[in-house]
């Protein structure tokens, strides 16, 4: 089998979960057959290919790896060391979306929507939500007001901005790619999106009472939206509803995930996430734990390809 040269690859696509890596492979213009050289201390096997003329490597967690910032940091560290000529990178995966109907205009974030990490006012683009301290009067205070993690590389933020300028039609730039692969198969089925009726949002009150949030059905051609703003990242799942809501309201956080905080200080990745759930305290009514919402994985991959076009 042909040996691939790590020095020829300039873009890193970090897809922590197997299903995310599978989606990434379908988005390659060409899959490079071959293997990178292996030696003691090289713990990861990478996939390689081309997108719009860029040589891209796809990196994912090994089978059985626990996801979180620690695992993501180890993967990113080895990617950076193994590929000496990296230009930029992306971290693509799923996240819990945080709808906020108290804002003007309201953030009507839904399953399958795309979240892109960007600063918002005084809030950082990525916020390490588990770094901070409890105070007597002001509750949990983020370390340095959340400005702990590095910023996404300038070239990536510039590309994101060029797409954001096309809002509200920015999503249309990459949804066309979805049509080309929605019937492709993965281990648990295909990437076909579920019906909108599947997406039911329940708000849980301080007394643990549930009430459904009434939302108008979106037009099918405008079913998916892209949201830009701070994304919270931490080692542990955010199970504390008041803290989660405080992050949402005080720091304008639009979603929560578990890998970016371990990645960004090593590789200045663009963080692109798709909404798979609404976090603790807000739940989805469904007949399946997996939800088959891998459409959202696809959409993040499409955003990446649009960035590189």
Protein backbone atom coordinates (compact mmCIF):
# COMPACT_ATOMS: atom_id res chain seq x y z
CA UNK A 1 0.00 0.00 0.00
CA UNK A 2 1.25 3.48 -0.89
CA UNK A 3 2.82 5.49 1.92
CA UNK A 4 1.38 8.99 2.32
CA UNK A 5 3.61 11.98 3.10
CA UNK A 6 2.45 13.97 6.19
CA UNK A 7 4.25 17.08 4.90
CA UNK A 8 1.82 17.40 1.98
CA UNK A 9 -1.30 17.90 4.15
CA UNK A 10 -2.32 21.40 5.19
CA UNK A 11 -5.88 21.12 6.55
CA UNK A 12 -6.95 19.18 9.64
CA UNK A 13 -10.54 18.03 10.00
CA UNK A 14 -11.14 16.81 13.55
CA UNK A 15 -14.25 14.63 13.77
CA UNK A 16 -14.16 13.05 17.24
CA UNK A 17 -16.94 10.47 16.82
CA UNK A 18 -16.92 7.65 14.28
CA UNK A 19 -20.18 8.78 12.69
CA UNK A 20 -18.74 12.28 12.28
CA UNK A 21 -15.65 10.87 10.56
CA UNK A 22 -17.88 8.80 8.29
CA UNK A 23 -19.72 11.95 7.27
CA UNK A 24 -16.42 13.70 6.61
CA UNK A 25 -15.25 10.91 4.31
CA UNK A 26 -18.36 11.30 2.17
CA UNK A 27 -17.50 14.97 1.69
CA UNK A 28 -14.07 14.35 0.23
CA UNK A 29 -13.67 15.09 -3.48
CA UNK A 30 -11.06 12.35 -3.55
CA UNK A 31 -10.05 9.79 -0.94
CA UNK A 32 -6.29 9.19 -0.85
CA UNK A 33 -5.65 5.47 -0.69
CA UNK A 34 -2.62 4.63 1.39
CA UNK A 35 -1.22 4.89 4.90
CA UNK A 36 0.83 7.38 6.80
CA UNK A 37 4.07 6.05 8.33
CA UNK A 38 3.62 4.67 11.84
CA UNK A 39 6.11 4.53 14.69
CA UNK A 40 6.02 4.03 18.44
CA UNK A 41 4.25 7.00 19.98
CA UNK A 42 1.96 7.55 17.00
CA UNK A 43 -1.36 6.56 18.54
CA UNK A 44 -3.77 7.58 15.80
CA UNK A 45 -4.57 6.41 12.28
CA UNK A 46 -5.64 9.19 9.92
CA UNK A 47 -7.74 9.27 6.77
CA UNK A 48 -6.68 11.55 3.93
CA UNK A 49 -8.10 13.12 0.81
CA UNK A 50 -8.79 16.30 -1.13
CA UNK A 51 -11.42 19.02 -0.86
CA UNK A 52 -11.37 21.84 -3.40
CA UNK A 53 -7.67 21.32 -4.06
CA UNK A 54 -6.64 21.17 -0.40
CA UNK A 55 -4.96 18.07 1.00
CA UNK A 56 -7.03 17.23 4.07
CA UNK A 57 -6.54 14.77 6.92
CA UNK A 58 -9.46 13.48 8.95
CA UNK A 59 -8.73 12.61 12.57
CA UNK A 60 -11.09 10.80 14.93
CA UNK A 61 -11.05 9.12 18.32
CA UNK A 62 -10.07 5.43 18.50
CA UNK A 63 -12.86 2.98 19.22
CA UNK A 64 -13.76 3.01 22.90
CA UNK A 65 -12.16 6.40 23.62
CA UNK A 66 -14.05 8.54 26.12
CA UNK A 67 -15.00 11.85 24.58
CA UNK A 68 -14.14 15.09 26.30
CA UNK A 69 -11.56 17.86 26.37
CA UNK A 70 -8.76 15.55 27.53
CA UNK A 71 -9.18 13.10 24.67
CA UNK A 72 -9.59 15.95 22.19
CA UNK A 73 -6.42 17.60 23.46
CA UNK A 74 -4.37 14.43 23.01
CA UNK A 75 -5.68 13.96 19.48
CA UNK A 76 -5.02 17.58 18.51
CA UNK A 77 -1.51 17.48 19.97
CA UNK A 78 -0.51 14.48 17.90
CA UNK A 79 -2.12 15.89 14.76
CA UNK A 80 -0.12 19.09 15.13
CA UNK A 81 3.10 17.16 15.72
CA UNK A 82 2.56 14.62 12.94
CA UNK A 83 1.59 17.11 10.20
CA UNK A 84 4.23 19.88 10.21
CA UNK A 85 2.67 22.04 7.50
CA UNK A 86 -0.86 22.46 8.81
CA UNK A 87 -2.40 25.74 7.68
CA UNK A 88 -5.75 25.62 9.45
CA UNK A 89 -8.25 23.18 10.89
CA UNK A 90 -11.86 22.55 11.86
CA UNK A 91 -13.51 20.76 14.75
CA UNK A 92 -16.81 19.36 13.52
CA UNK A 93 -19.40 17.52 15.60
CA UNK A 94 -22.59 17.72 17.62
CA UNK A 95 -23.65 19.99 20.47
CA UNK A 96 -26.55 20.80 22.73
CA UNK A 97 -28.35 23.87 21.40
CA UNK A 98 -29.56 26.55 23.80
CA UNK A 99 -32.63 28.32 22.42
CA UNK A 100 -33.26 31.69 24.03
CA UNK A 101 -36.66 33.24 23.49
CA UNK A 102 -35.97 36.15 25.85
CA UNK A 103 -33.54 37.74 23.39
CA UNK A 104 -34.53 40.16 20.66
CA UNK A 105 -34.79 38.72 18.11
CA UNK A 106 -35.34 35.31 19.77
CA UNK A 107 -32.81 32.53 19.20
CA UNK A 108 -35.13 29.83 17.92
CA UNK A 109 -32.42 27.18 17.70
CA UNK A 110 -33.74 23.81 16.52
CA UNK A 111 -32.51 20.28 15.96
CA UNK A 112 -30.30 20.13 12.89
CA UNK A 113 -29.37 23.81 13.01
CA UNK A 114 -25.70 24.72 12.66
CA UNK A 115 -23.75 26.49 15.42
CA UNK A 116 -20.54 28.33 14.52
CA UNK A 117 -18.31 29.62 17.32
CA UNK A 118 -17.68 33.37 17.08
CA UNK A 119 -17.21 36.11 19.71
CA UNK A 120 -20.29 38.16 20.56
CA UNK A 121 -19.67 41.54 22.12
CA UNK A 122 -17.60 40.99 25.27
CA UNK A 123 -18.17 37.22 25.18
CA UNK A 124 -15.41 35.01 23.80
CA UNK A 125 -16.08 32.69 20.87
CA UNK A 126 -15.29 29.66 23.02
CA UNK A 127 -16.01 29.63 26.73
CA UNK A 128 -14.53 27.05 29.10
CA UNK A 129 -17.60 26.67 31.27
CA UNK A 130 -16.00 24.44 33.89
CA UNK A 131 -13.10 26.82 34.68
CA UNK A 132 -13.96 29.27 37.42
CA UNK A 133 -15.00 29.54 41.04
CA UNK A 134 -18.10 29.71 43.22
CA UNK A 135 -18.58 33.06 44.94
CA UNK A 136 -20.74 33.88 47.93
CA UNK A 137 -22.87 36.56 46.32
CA UNK A 138 -22.46 36.24 42.54
CA UNK A 139 -22.61 32.47 42.11
CA UNK A 140 -20.23 30.75 39.70
CA UNK A 141 -17.77 33.13 38.07
CA UNK A 142 -15.92 32.08 34.93
CA UNK A 143 -12.15 32.39 34.97
CA UNK A 144 -11.18 35.68 33.26
CA UNK A 145 -14.86 36.11 32.36
CA UNK A 146 -14.54 33.19 29.96
CA UNK A 147 -11.59 34.61 28.01
CA UNK A 148 -9.27 31.68 28.68
CA UNK A 149 -9.12 29.79 25.41
CA UNK A 150 -7.29 30.84 22.27
CA UNK A 151 -9.15 32.36 19.34
CA UNK A 152 -9.87 30.60 16.08
CA UNK A 153 -7.22 31.30 13.45
CA UNK A 154 -7.69 34.59 11.59
CA UNK A 155 -7.98 32.94 8.17
CA UNK A 156 -10.79 30.71 9.43
CA UNK A 157 -12.64 33.60 11.08
CA UNK A 158 -12.31 35.56 7.85
CA UNK A 159 -13.84 32.69 5.88
CA UNK A 160 -16.65 32.37 8.42
CA UNK A 161 -17.33 36.10 8.17
CA UNK A 162 -17.55 35.91 4.38
CA UNK A 163 -20.27 33.27 4.73
CA UNK A 164 -22.03 35.09 7.57
CA UNK A 165 -22.38 38.17 5.37
CA UNK A 166 -24.76 36.18 3.19
CA UNK A 167 -27.24 35.56 6.01
CA UNK A 168 -30.09 34.66 6.03
CA UNK A 169 -29.20 32.76 2.85
CA UNK A 170 -25.89 31.45 4.21
CA UNK A 171 -27.31 28.00 4.91
CA UNK A 172 -28.26 27.56 1.27
CA UNK A 173 -24.57 27.65 0.36
CA UNK A 174 -23.95 24.23 1.83
CA UNK A 175 -27.29 22.42 1.94
CA UNK A 176 -26.84 21.42 -1.69
CA UNK A 177 -24.11 19.06 -0.53
CA UNK A 178 -26.60 17.35 1.75
CA UNK A 179 -28.74 16.30 -1.19
CA UNK A 180 -25.78 14.52 -2.76
CA UNK A 181 -25.17 12.25 0.23
CA UNK A 182 -28.34 12.10 2.34
CA UNK A 183 -28.99 8.51 1.20
CA UNK A 184 -25.44 7.39 1.94
CA UNK A 185 -25.22 4.72 4.61
CA UNK A 186 -23.53 4.60 7.98
CA UNK A 187 -23.55 1.90 10.65
CA UNK A 188 -27.02 2.81 11.94
CA UNK A 189 -28.82 3.83 8.76
CA UNK A 190 -28.61 6.78 6.39
CA UNK A 191 -28.24 10.55 6.71
CA UNK A 192 -31.88 11.28 5.85
CA UNK A 193 -33.28 13.99 8.11
CA UNK A 194 -36.22 13.27 10.42
CA UNK A 195 -39.51 15.10 10.00
CA UNK A 196 -39.99 18.45 11.74
CA UNK A 197 -42.75 16.93 13.89
CA UNK A 198 -39.98 14.92 15.53
CA UNK A 199 -38.53 18.08 17.06
CA UNK A 200 -40.47 18.92 20.22
CA UNK A 201 -38.94 21.29 22.74
CA UNK A 202 -39.95 21.13 26.39
CA UNK A 203 -39.01 23.84 28.87
CA UNK A 204 -38.57 22.71 32.46
CA UNK A 205 -39.44 25.21 35.20
CA UNK A 206 -37.68 25.68 38.52
CA UNK A 207 -40.36 23.41 40.03
CA UNK A 208 -39.50 20.69 37.49
CA UNK A 209 -42.75 21.21 35.62
CA UNK A 210 -42.60 20.65 31.88
CA UNK A 211 -44.31 22.77 29.29
CA UNK A 212 -44.03 22.54 25.54
CA UNK A 213 -42.63 25.52 23.66
CA UNK A 214 -44.91 26.43 20.78
CA UNK A 215 -42.96 27.08 17.61
CA UNK A 216 -44.16 27.67 14.09
CA UNK A 217 -43.26 25.07 11.53
CA UNK A 218 -40.44 26.23 9.28
CA UNK A 219 -40.73 26.27 5.53
CA UNK A 220 -38.96 23.22 4.14
CA UNK A 221 -36.59 25.33 2.04
CA UNK A 222 -35.67 27.29 5.18
CA UNK A 223 -35.73 24.43 7.60
CA UNK A 224 -32.10 24.76 8.68
CA UNK A 225 -30.52 27.90 10.11
CA UNK A 226 -26.96 28.82 10.98
CA UNK A 227 -26.32 30.57 14.30
CA UNK A 228 -23.13 32.45 15.18
CA UNK A 229 -21.98 33.11 18.72
CA UNK A 230 -20.13 31.80 21.77
CA UNK A 231 -20.09 28.06 22.35
CA UNK A 232 -19.43 26.63 25.79
CA UNK A 233 -16.96 23.77 26.12
CA UNK A 234 -16.05 21.64 29.11
CA UNK A 235 -14.84 18.25 30.28
CA UNK A 236 -18.14 17.29 31.87
CA UNK A 237 -21.73 17.44 30.73
CA UNK A 238 -23.53 20.53 31.99
CA UNK A 239 -26.26 19.00 34.17
CA UNK A 240 -27.00 22.08 36.27
CA UNK A 241 -29.93 23.87 34.61
CA UNK A 242 -29.47 27.22 36.44
CA UNK A 243 -25.76 27.33 35.50
CA UNK A 244 -26.57 26.43 31.94
CA UNK A 245 -29.17 29.17 31.73
CA UNK A 246 -26.73 31.64 33.29
CA UNK A 247 -24.15 30.82 30.61
CA UNK A 248 -26.82 31.31 27.98
CA UNK A 249 -28.11 34.61 29.38
CA UNK A 250 -24.93 36.21 30.73
CA UNK A 251 -22.39 35.09 28.15
CA UNK A 252 -24.73 34.68 25.14
CA UNK A 253 -23.76 31.00 24.75
CA UNK A 254 -25.67 29.32 21.93
CA UNK A 255 -24.55 25.73 22.54
CA UNK A 256 -22.53 23.37 24.73
CA UNK A 257 -20.02 20.70 23.71
CA UNK A 258 -17.07 18.73 25.10
CA UNK A 259 -14.06 18.86 22.79
CA UNK A 260 -13.21 22.41 21.69
CA UNK A 261 -11.64 23.46 24.99
CA UNK A 262 -9.11 20.65 24.64
CA UNK A 263 -8.36 21.42 21.00
CA UNK A 264 -8.24 25.17 20.48
CA UNK A 265 -5.06 25.92 22.45
CA UNK A 266 -3.21 23.36 20.32
CA UNK A 267 -4.74 23.91 16.87
CA UNK A 268 -6.65 27.15 16.26
CA UNK A 269 -9.63 25.34 14.77
CA UNK A 270 -12.91 26.70 13.58
CA UNK A 271 -15.61 25.10 15.74
CA UNK A 272 -18.71 24.04 13.81
CA UNK A 273 -21.45 22.11 15.58
CA UNK A 274 -24.88 20.76 14.79
CA UNK A 275 -27.71 20.66 17.31
CA UNK A 276 -28.49 17.11 18.42
CA UNK A 277 -30.39 17.98 21.62
CA UNK A 278 -31.29 20.86 23.91
CA UNK A 279 -29.23 20.00 26.97
CA UNK A 280 -30.26 18.97 30.46
CA UNK A 281 -33.54 20.38 31.70
CA UNK A 282 -34.86 20.71 28.17
CA UNK A 283 -35.56 17.47 26.41
CA UNK A 284 -36.65 16.00 23.13
CA UNK A 285 -39.70 13.77 22.85
CA UNK A 286 -38.72 10.89 20.61
CA UNK A 287 -38.98 7.16 20.24
CA UNK A 288 -35.24 6.72 19.74
CA UNK A 289 -32.26 7.52 21.93
CA UNK A 290 -30.01 8.02 18.93
CA UNK A 291 -32.65 10.27 17.23
CA UNK A 292 -31.13 9.58 13.82
CA UNK A 293 -30.29 13.25 13.62
CA UNK A 294 -27.12 12.77 11.64
CA UNK A 295 -28.37 15.39 9.20
CA UNK A 296 -26.79 17.88 11.55
CA UNK A 297 -23.43 16.17 11.17
CA UNK A 298 -23.72 16.57 7.44
CA UNK A 299 -24.55 20.22 7.65
CA UNK A 300 -21.41 20.98 9.59
CA UNK A 301 -19.37 19.16 7.00
CA UNK A 302 -21.06 21.23 4.28
CA UNK A 303 -20.14 24.41 6.10
CA UNK A 304 -16.54 23.26 6.15
CA UNK A 305 -16.57 22.59 2.42
CA UNK A 306 -18.10 26.00 1.74
CA UNK A 307 -15.29 27.57 3.74
CA UNK A 308 -12.73 25.88 1.54
CA UNK A 309 -14.40 26.63 -1.76
